[in-house]
Amino acid sequence: FAARVLARQVMFLSVHRMRRTLHVLLSLCLPVAASLALSNAALAQQGPMTFVNECRGNSAANCFVIASGEIQADSAAKFLALMAEGVDGNRVLFDSPGGSLRGGMELGRAIREKNMETEVGRWESNGVTGDVVPGATCASACAYAFLGGVIRRVTEGNQLGFHQFYIDPTQVPAQIAGEALVKAMDESQRLSGDIVAYVIEMNVDARIFGLLLDERLGGLL
């Protein structure tokens, strides 16, 4: 019930706020729909997200599922495939600039299903084992996937960031037909409701979504 009420509150955003989220609306009309990006350049430097089980010692407590790269629609399936093979440890270590929004939420659900913890950090291999070092970023879609952890950690020197989902304004046509804009608004409201429902499902205060809408486009929260 709470999810439906909050979703309706998002759907009845003020006209002013709807204009501020116009990039959301337009993105749903284009091939890049439902994608989050810290920046196009950041994602361009990343390949699809990979999942690798690594350990820094002989104890399972020192093992991680290393999740790095761009989150895509099939990232959750890839994660579950690795889990089906059997892994050591119960922590997912994230280092990702973002990617697919819906892919991030599905990955978060898969992580919760497997009762895994999440952490932001970068794995540095020494050729034999390796260790977790600072300097990692988990932003946009990655931040939503991060919420799936039953316990969540962001240690010093690493960053977790939420921001508005958007597209490069240079990709937006100068004029959008009225019918397309209405469709985009409808899809955006549905997506907003899905985000709120997901955040509540992950036992996180849904007001974070309101803060996200107030954040300057492209800025991290």
C-alpha atoms as a PDB file:
ATOM      1  CA  PHE A   1       0.000   0.000   0.000  1.00  0.00           C
ATOM      2  CA  ALA A   2       2.805   2.411   0.930  1.00  0.00           C
ATOM      3  CA  ALA A   3       4.507   1.756  -2.401  1.00  0.00           C
ATOM      4  CA  ARG A   4       1.310   2.616  -4.301  1.00  0.00           C
ATOM      5  CA  VAL A   5       0.777   5.814  -2.319  1.00  0.00           C
ATOM      6  CA  LEU A   6       4.339   7.015  -2.850  1.00  0.00           C
ATOM      7  CA  ALA A   7       4.222   6.062  -6.508  1.00  0.00           C
ATOM      8  CA  ARG A   8       1.067   8.179  -6.925  1.00  0.00           C
ATOM      9  CA  GLN A   9       2.814  11.077  -5.194  1.00  0.00           C
ATOM     10  CA  VAL A  10       5.617  10.850  -7.745  1.00  0.00           C
ATOM     11  CA  MET A  11       3.121  10.667 -10.601  1.00  0.00           C
ATOM     12  CA  PHE A  12       1.498  13.914  -9.477  1.00  0.00           C
ATOM     13  CA  LEU A  13       4.706  15.952  -9.553  1.00  0.00           C
ATOM     14  CA  SER A  14       4.265  19.652 -10.111  1.00  0.00           C
ATOM     15  CA  VAL A  15       4.513  21.003 -13.634  1.00  0.00           C
ATOM     16  CA  HIS A  16       7.735  22.721 -12.629  1.00  0.00           C
ATOM     17  CA  ARG A  17       9.288  19.477 -11.489  1.00  0.00           C
ATOM     18  CA  MET A  18       8.046  17.610 -14.543  1.00  0.00           C
ATOM     19  CA  ARG A  19       9.814  20.138 -16.711  1.00  0.00           C
ATOM     20  CA  ARG A  20      12.981  19.612 -14.718  1.00  0.00           C
ATOM     21  CA  THR A  21      12.726  15.897 -15.482  1.00  0.00           C
ATOM     22  CA  LEU A  22      12.115  16.451 -19.198  1.00  0.00           C
ATOM     23  CA  HIS A  23      15.314  14.576 -19.972  1.00  0.00           C
ATOM     24  CA  VAL A  24      13.725  11.537 -18.359  1.00  0.00           C
ATOM     25  CA  LEU A  25      10.672  11.843 -20.534  1.00  0.00           C
ATOM     26  CA  LEU A  26      12.593  12.264 -23.744  1.00  0.00           C
ATOM     27  CA  SER A  27      15.011   9.471 -22.982  1.00  0.00           C
ATOM     28  CA  LEU A  28      12.137   7.030 -22.916  1.00  0.00           C
ATOM     29  CA  CYS A  29      11.327   7.906 -26.547  1.00  0.00           C
ATOM     30  CA  LEU A  30      14.859   7.149 -27.715  1.00  0.00           C
ATOM     31  CA  PRO A  31      16.999   4.003 -27.981  1.00  0.00           C
ATOM     32  CA  VAL A  32      18.828   4.911 -24.768  1.00  0.00           C
ATOM     33  CA  ALA A  33      15.641   4.500 -22.720  1.00  0.00           C
ATOM     34  CA  ALA A  34      15.971   3.463 -19.080  1.00  0.00           C
ATOM     35  CA  SER A  35      19.697   4.122 -18.993  1.00  0.00           C
ATOM     36  CA  LEU A  36      21.664   5.947 -16.321  1.00  0.00           C
ATOM     37  CA  ALA A  37      25.092   7.444 -16.922  1.00  0.00           C
ATOM     38  CA  LEU A  38      27.640   9.235 -14.812  1.00  0.00           C
ATOM     39  CA  SER A  39      28.804  10.530 -18.180  1.00  0.00           C
ATOM     40  CA  ASN A  40      28.904   9.182 -21.708  1.00  0.00           C
ATOM     41  CA  ALA A  41      32.692   9.292 -21.608  1.00  0.00           C
ATOM     42  CA  ALA A  42      32.849   7.230 -18.413  1.00  0.00           C
ATOM     43  CA  LEU A  43      30.633   4.504 -19.850  1.00  0.00           C
ATOM     44  CA  ALA A  44      32.501   4.543 -23.133  1.00  0.00           C
ATOM     45  CA  GLN A  45      35.650   3.497 -21.268  1.00  0.00           C
ATOM     46  CA  GLN A  46      33.873   0.574 -19.604  1.00  0.00           C
ATOM     47  CA  GLY A  47      32.938  -2.747 -21.094  1.00  0.00           C
ATOM     48  CA  PRO A  48      29.863  -4.713 -19.989  1.00  0.00           C
ATOM     49  CA  MET A  49      29.814  -5.574 -16.288  1.00  0.00           C
ATOM     50  CA  THR A  50      31.706  -8.737 -15.428  1.00  0.00           C
ATOM     51  CA  PHE A  51      31.500 -10.862 -12.296  1.00  0.00           C
ATOM     52  CA  VAL A  52      34.558 -12.667 -10.954  1.00  0.00           C
ATOM     53  CA  ASN A  53      35.059 -14.451  -7.634  1.00  0.00           C
ATOM     54  CA  GLU A  54      38.339 -13.352  -6.023  1.00  0.00           C
ATOM     55  CA  CYS A  55      39.911 -13.910  -2.596  1.00  0.00           C
ATOM     56  CA  ARG A  56      42.672 -12.139  -0.681  1.00  0.00           C
ATOM     57  CA  GLY A  57      43.233 -15.038   1.691  1.00  0.00           C
ATOM     58  CA  ASN A  58      42.204 -18.580   2.517  1.00  0.00           C
ATOM     59  CA  SER A  59      39.076 -17.558   4.412  1.00  0.00           C
ATOM     60  CA  ALA A  60      35.704 -17.140   2.684  1.00  0.00           C
ATOM     61  CA  ALA A  61      35.321 -13.955   4.742  1.00  0.00           C
ATOM     62  CA  ASN A  62      38.053 -12.456   2.562  1.00  0.00           C
ATOM     63  CA  CYS A  63      36.391 -13.358  -0.733  1.00  0.00           C
ATOM     64  CA  PHE A  64      34.332 -11.143  -3.019  1.00  0.00           C
ATOM     65  CA  VAL A  65      32.286 -11.231  -6.184  1.00  0.00           C
ATOM     66  CA  ILE A  66      33.990  -8.460  -8.131  1.00  0.00           C
ATOM     67  CA  ALA A  67      31.414  -6.517 -10.166  1.00  0.00           C
ATOM     68  CA  SER A  68      33.012  -4.002 -12.514  1.00  0.00           C
ATOM     69  CA  GLY A  69      32.007  -2.336 -15.758  1.00  0.00           C
ATOM     70  CA  GLU A  70      28.775  -1.042 -17.270  1.00  0.00           C
ATOM     71  CA  ILE A  71      25.528  -2.533 -15.968  1.00  0.00           C
ATOM     72  CA  GLN A  72      23.416  -3.942 -18.775  1.00  0.00           C
ATOM     73  CA  ALA A  73      19.998  -5.562 -19.062  1.00  0.00           C
ATOM     74  CA  ASP A  74      21.483  -9.056 -18.643  1.00  0.00           C
ATOM     75  CA  SER A  75      23.823  -8.252 -15.735  1.00  0.00           C
ATOM     76  CA  ALA A  76      21.519  -9.891 -13.177  1.00  0.00           C
ATOM     77  CA  ALA A  77      21.430 -13.097 -15.256  1.00  0.00           C
ATOM     78  CA  LYS A  78      25.239 -13.128 -15.457  1.00  0.00           C
ATOM     79  CA  PHE A  79      25.501 -12.635 -11.702  1.00  0.00           C
ATOM     80  CA  LEU A  80      23.063 -15.474 -11.014  1.00  0.00           C
ATOM     81  CA  ALA A  81      24.947 -17.738 -13.434  1.00  0.00           C
ATOM     82  CA  LEU A  82      28.152 -17.193 -11.454  1.00  0.00           C
ATOM     83  CA  MET A  83      26.324 -17.798  -8.181  1.00  0.00           C
ATOM     84  CA  ALA A  84      24.943 -21.074  -9.572  1.00  0.00           C
ATOM     85  CA  GLU A  85      28.516 -22.250 -10.161  1.00  0.00           C
ATOM     86  CA  GLY A  86      29.271 -21.669  -6.485  1.00  0.00           C
ATOM     87  CA  VAL A  87      31.285 -18.802  -5.054  1.00  0.00           C
ATOM     88  CA  ASP A  88      33.328 -18.154  -1.933  1.00  0.00           C
ATOM     89  CA  GLY A  89      32.312 -15.212   0.240  1.00  0.00           C
ATOM     90  CA  ASN A  90      29.097 -13.240   0.548  1.00  0.00           C
ATOM     91  CA  ARG A  91      30.088  -9.752  -0.618  1.00  0.00           C
ATOM     92  CA  VAL A  92      29.662  -8.056  -3.999  1.00  0.00           C
ATOM     93  CA  LEU A  93      32.373  -5.465  -4.611  1.00  0.00           C
ATOM     94  CA  PHE A  94      31.188  -2.709  -6.967  1.00  0.00           C
ATOM     95  CA  ASP A  95      33.195  -0.404  -9.201  1.00  0.00           C
ATOM     96  CA  SER A  96      30.929   0.939 -11.959  1.00  0.00           C
ATOM     97  CA  PRO A  97      29.892   4.313 -13.419  1.00  0.00           C
ATOM     98  CA  GLY A  98      26.351   3.098 -14.119  1.00  0.00           C
ATOM     99  CA  GLY A  99      24.495   1.750 -17.127  1.00  0.00           C
ATOM    100  CA  SER A 100      20.972   0.356 -17.461  1.00  0.00           C
ATOM    101  CA  LEU A 101      18.574   1.578 -14.766  1.00  0.00           C
ATOM    102  CA  ARG A 102      16.257  -1.406 -14.977  1.00  0.00           C
ATOM    103  CA  GLY A 103      19.288  -3.675 -15.234  1.00  0.00           C
ATOM    104  CA  GLY A 104      20.603  -2.141 -12.005  1.00  0.00           C
ATOM    105  CA  MET A 105      17.357  -2.760 -10.160  1.00  0.00           C
ATOM    106  CA  GLU A 106      17.186  -6.356 -11.384  1.00  0.00           C
ATOM    107  CA  LEU A 107      20.770  -6.888 -10.256  1.00  0.00           C
ATOM    108  CA  GLY A 108      19.898  -5.462  -6.861  1.00  0.00           C
ATOM    109  CA  ARG A 109      16.999  -7.894  -6.557  1.00  0.00           C
ATOM    110  CA  ALA A 110      19.275 -10.802  -7.517  1.00  0.00           C
ATOM    111  CA  ILE A 111      21.795  -9.742  -4.865  1.00  0.00           C
ATOM    112  CA  ARG A 112      19.043  -9.585  -2.241  1.00  0.00           C
ATOM    113  CA  GLU A 113      17.714 -12.981  -3.358  1.00  0.00           C
ATOM    114  CA  LYS A 114      21.154 -14.487  -2.699  1.00  0.00           C
ATOM    115  CA  ASN A 115      21.431 -12.731   0.675  1.00  0.00           C
ATOM    116  CA  MET A 116      24.664 -11.009  -0.368  1.00  0.00           C
ATOM    117  CA  GLU A 117      26.275  -7.916   1.118  1.00  0.00           C
ATOM    118  CA  THR A 118      27.473  -5.032  -1.054  1.00  0.00           C
ATOM    119  CA  GLU A 119      30.559  -2.849  -0.854  1.00  0.00           C
ATOM    120  CA  VAL A 120      32.134  -0.150  -3.004  1.00  0.00           C
ATOM    121  CA  GLY A 121      35.796  -0.768  -3.712  1.00  0.00           C
ATOM    122  CA  ARG A 122      38.345  -1.609  -6.380  1.00  0.00           C
ATOM    123  CA  TRP A 123      40.024  -4.981  -6.669  1.00  0.00           C
ATOM    124  CA  GLU A 124      43.751  -4.801  -7.346  1.00  0.00           C
ATOM    125  CA  SER A 125      45.385  -8.057  -8.338  1.00  0.00           C
ATOM    126  CA  ASN A 126      48.978  -8.803  -7.409  1.00  0.00           C
ATOM    127  CA  GLY A 127      49.206 -11.679  -9.844  1.00  0.00           C
ATOM    128  CA  VAL A 128      48.520 -14.335  -7.218  1.00  0.00           C
ATOM    129  CA  THR A 129      45.680 -13.011  -5.084  1.00  0.00           C
ATOM    130  CA  GLY A 130      44.844  -9.347  -4.606  1.00  0.00           C
ATOM    131  CA  ASP A 131      43.302  -6.796  -2.286  1.00  0.00           C
ATOM    132  CA  VAL A 132      40.595  -4.149  -2.098  1.00  0.00           C
ATOM    133  CA  VAL A 133      41.905  -0.628  -2.646  1.00  0.00           C
ATOM    134  CA  PRO A 134      40.193   2.799  -2.626  1.00  0.00           C
ATOM    135  CA  GLY A 135      39.334   4.828  -5.712  1.00  0.00           C
ATOM    136  CA  ALA A 136      36.150   3.059  -6.795  1.00  0.00           C
ATOM    137  CA  THR A 137      32.889   4.680  -7.850  1.00  0.00           C
ATOM    138  CA  CYS A 138      29.416   3.155  -7.807  1.00  0.00           C
ATOM    139  CA  ALA A 139      27.082   5.679  -9.419  1.00  0.00           C
ATOM    140  CA  SER A 140      23.699   5.877 -11.111  1.00  0.00           C
ATOM    141  CA  ALA A 141      22.428   2.385 -11.972  1.00  0.00           C
ATOM    142  CA  CYS A 142      25.196   0.888  -9.847  1.00  0.00           C
ATOM    143  CA  ALA A 143      23.943   2.784  -6.798  1.00  0.00           C
ATOM    144  CA  TYR A 144      20.516   1.173  -7.223  1.00  0.00           C
ATOM    145  CA  ALA A 145      22.114  -2.276  -7.553  1.00  0.00           C
ATOM    146  CA  PHE A 146      24.137  -1.510  -4.411  1.00  0.00           C
ATOM    147  CA  LEU A 147      20.884  -1.097  -2.467  1.00  0.00           C
ATOM    148  CA  GLY A 148      20.283  -4.835  -2.893  1.00  0.00           C
ATOM    149  CA  GLY A 149      22.876  -5.705  -0.272  1.00  0.00           C
ATOM    150  CA  VAL A 150      21.564  -7.026   3.041  1.00  0.00           C
ATOM    151  CA  ILE A 151      24.469  -5.056   4.535  1.00  0.00           C
ATOM    152  CA  ARG A 152      26.011  -2.145   2.598  1.00  0.00           C
ATOM    153  CA  ARG A 153      29.456  -0.591   2.996  1.00  0.00           C
ATOM    154  CA  VAL A 154      31.180   2.408   1.439  1.00  0.00           C
ATOM    155  CA  THR A 155      34.648   2.707   2.900  1.00  0.00           C
ATOM    156  CA  GLU A 156      36.827   5.801   2.907  1.00  0.00           C
ATOM    157  CA  GLY A 157      38.251   6.744  -0.470  1.00  0.00           C
ATOM    158  CA  ASN A 158      35.319   5.320  -2.466  1.00  0.00           C
ATOM    159  CA  GLN A 159      32.164   6.993  -3.786  1.00  0.00           C
ATOM    160  CA  LEU A 160      28.500   6.054  -3.983  1.00  0.00           C
ATOM    161  CA  GLY A 161      26.406   8.466  -6.039  1.00  0.00           C
ATOM    162  CA  PHE A 162      22.773   8.894  -7.093  1.00  0.00           C
ATOM    163  CA  HIS A 163      21.718  11.428  -9.715  1.00  0.00           C
ATOM    164  CA  GLN A 164      18.990  12.104 -12.214  1.00  0.00           C
ATOM    165  CA  PHE A 165      18.719   9.715 -15.131  1.00  0.00           C
ATOM    166  CA  TYR A 166      19.143  11.625 -18.346  1.00  0.00           C
ATOM    167  CA  ILE A 167      20.488  11.697 -21.881  1.00  0.00           C
ATOM    168  CA  ASP A 168      22.873  14.007 -23.633  1.00  0.00           C
ATOM    169  CA  PRO A 169      20.726  17.020 -24.649  1.00  0.00           C
ATOM    170  CA  THR A 170      22.468  17.096 -28.017  1.00  0.00           C
ATOM    171  CA  GLN A 171      20.657  13.812 -28.778  1.00  0.00           C
ATOM    172  CA  VAL A 172      17.220  15.320 -28.189  1.00  0.00           C
ATOM    173  CA  PRO A 173      15.345  16.573 -31.277  1.00  0.00           C
ATOM    174  CA  ALA A 174      14.615  20.294 -31.291  1.00  0.00           C
ATOM    175  CA  GLN A 175      10.853  19.647 -31.246  1.00  0.00           C
ATOM    176  CA  ILE A 176       8.948  16.671 -29.901  1.00  0.00           C
ATOM    177  CA  ALA A 177       5.537  15.823 -31.315  1.00  0.00           C
ATOM    178  CA  GLY A 178       2.726  16.177 -28.795  1.00  0.00           C
ATOM    179  CA  GLU A 179       1.716  12.515 -28.974  1.00  0.00           C
ATOM    180  CA  ALA A 180       5.304  11.378 -28.391  1.00  0.00           C
ATOM    181  CA  LEU A 181       5.677  13.702 -25.433  1.00  0.00           C
ATOM    182  CA  VAL A 182       2.457  12.423 -23.833  1.00  0.00           C
ATOM    183  CA  LYS A 183       3.684   8.859 -24.283  1.00  0.00           C
ATOM    184  CA  ALA A 184       7.049   9.779 -22.801  1.00  0.00           C
ATOM    185  CA  MET A 185       5.388  11.388 -19.793  1.00  0.00           C
ATOM    186  CA  ASP A 186       3.289   8.279 -19.230  1.00  0.00           C
ATOM    187  CA  GLU A 187       6.332   6.012 -19.454  1.00  0.00           C
ATOM    188  CA  SER A 188       8.329   8.302 -17.177  1.00  0.00           C
ATOM    189  CA  GLN A 189       5.625   8.190 -14.515  1.00  0.00           C
ATOM    190  CA  ARG A 190       5.557   4.413 -14.728  1.00  0.00           C
ATOM    191  CA  LEU A 191       9.347   4.257 -14.411  1.00  0.00           C
ATOM    192  CA  SER A 192       9.270   6.648 -11.462  1.00  0.00           C
ATOM    193  CA  GLY A 193       6.742   4.407  -9.744  1.00  0.00           C
ATOM    194  CA  ASP A 194       8.946   1.371 -10.403  1.00  0.00           C
ATOM    195  CA  ILE A 195      11.921   3.128  -8.823  1.00  0.00           C
ATOM    196  CA  VAL A 196       9.971   4.088  -5.717  1.00  0.00           C
ATOM    197  CA  ALA A 197       8.601   0.543  -5.369  1.00  0.00           C
ATOM    198  CA  TYR A 198      12.113  -0.884  -5.740  1.00  0.00           C
ATOM    199  CA  VAL A 199      13.611   1.461  -3.149  1.00  0.00           C
ATOM    200  CA  ILE A 200      10.897   0.478  -0.653  1.00  0.00           C
ATOM    201  CA  GLU A 201      11.433  -3.197  -1.508  1.00  0.00           C
ATOM    202  CA  MET A 202      15.091  -2.752  -0.555  1.00  0.00           C
ATOM    203  CA  ASN A 203      14.025  -1.274   2.817  1.00  0.00           C
ATOM    204  CA  VAL A 204      15.359   2.186   1.967  1.00  0.00           C
ATOM    205  CA  ASP A 205      13.538   5.456   2.675  1.00  0.00           C
ATOM    206  CA  ALA A 206      11.754   6.323  -0.588  1.00  0.00           C
ATOM    207  CA  ARG A 207      12.329  10.030   0.065  1.00  0.00           C
ATOM    208  CA  ILE A 208      15.749   9.531  -1.511  1.00  0.00           C
ATOM    209  CA  PHE A 209      13.924   9.617  -4.860  1.00  0.00           C
ATOM    210  CA  GLY A 210      12.554  13.078  -4.070  1.00  0.00           C
ATOM    211  CA  LEU A 211      16.044  14.278  -3.192  1.00  0.00           C
ATOM    212  CA  LEU A 212      17.284  12.871  -6.479  1.00  0.00           C
ATOM    213  CA  LEU A 213      14.728  14.911  -8.430  1.00  0.00           C
ATOM    214  CA  ASP A 214      15.884  18.063  -6.639  1.00  0.00           C
ATOM    215  CA  GLU A 215      19.511  17.404  -7.468  1.00  0.00           C
ATOM    216  CA  ARG A 216      21.013  19.429 -10.316  1.00  0.00           C
ATOM    217  CA  LEU A 217      21.044  17.452 -13.554  1.00  0.00           C
ATOM    218  CA  GLY A 218      24.317  15.574 -13.778  1.00  0.00           C
ATOM    219  CA  GLY A 219      25.221  16.265 -10.157  1.00  0.00           C
ATOM    220  CA  LEU A 220      25.729  13.454  -7.682  1.00  0.00           C
ATOM    221  CA  LEU A 221      23.747  13.081  -4.476  1.00  0.00           C
END
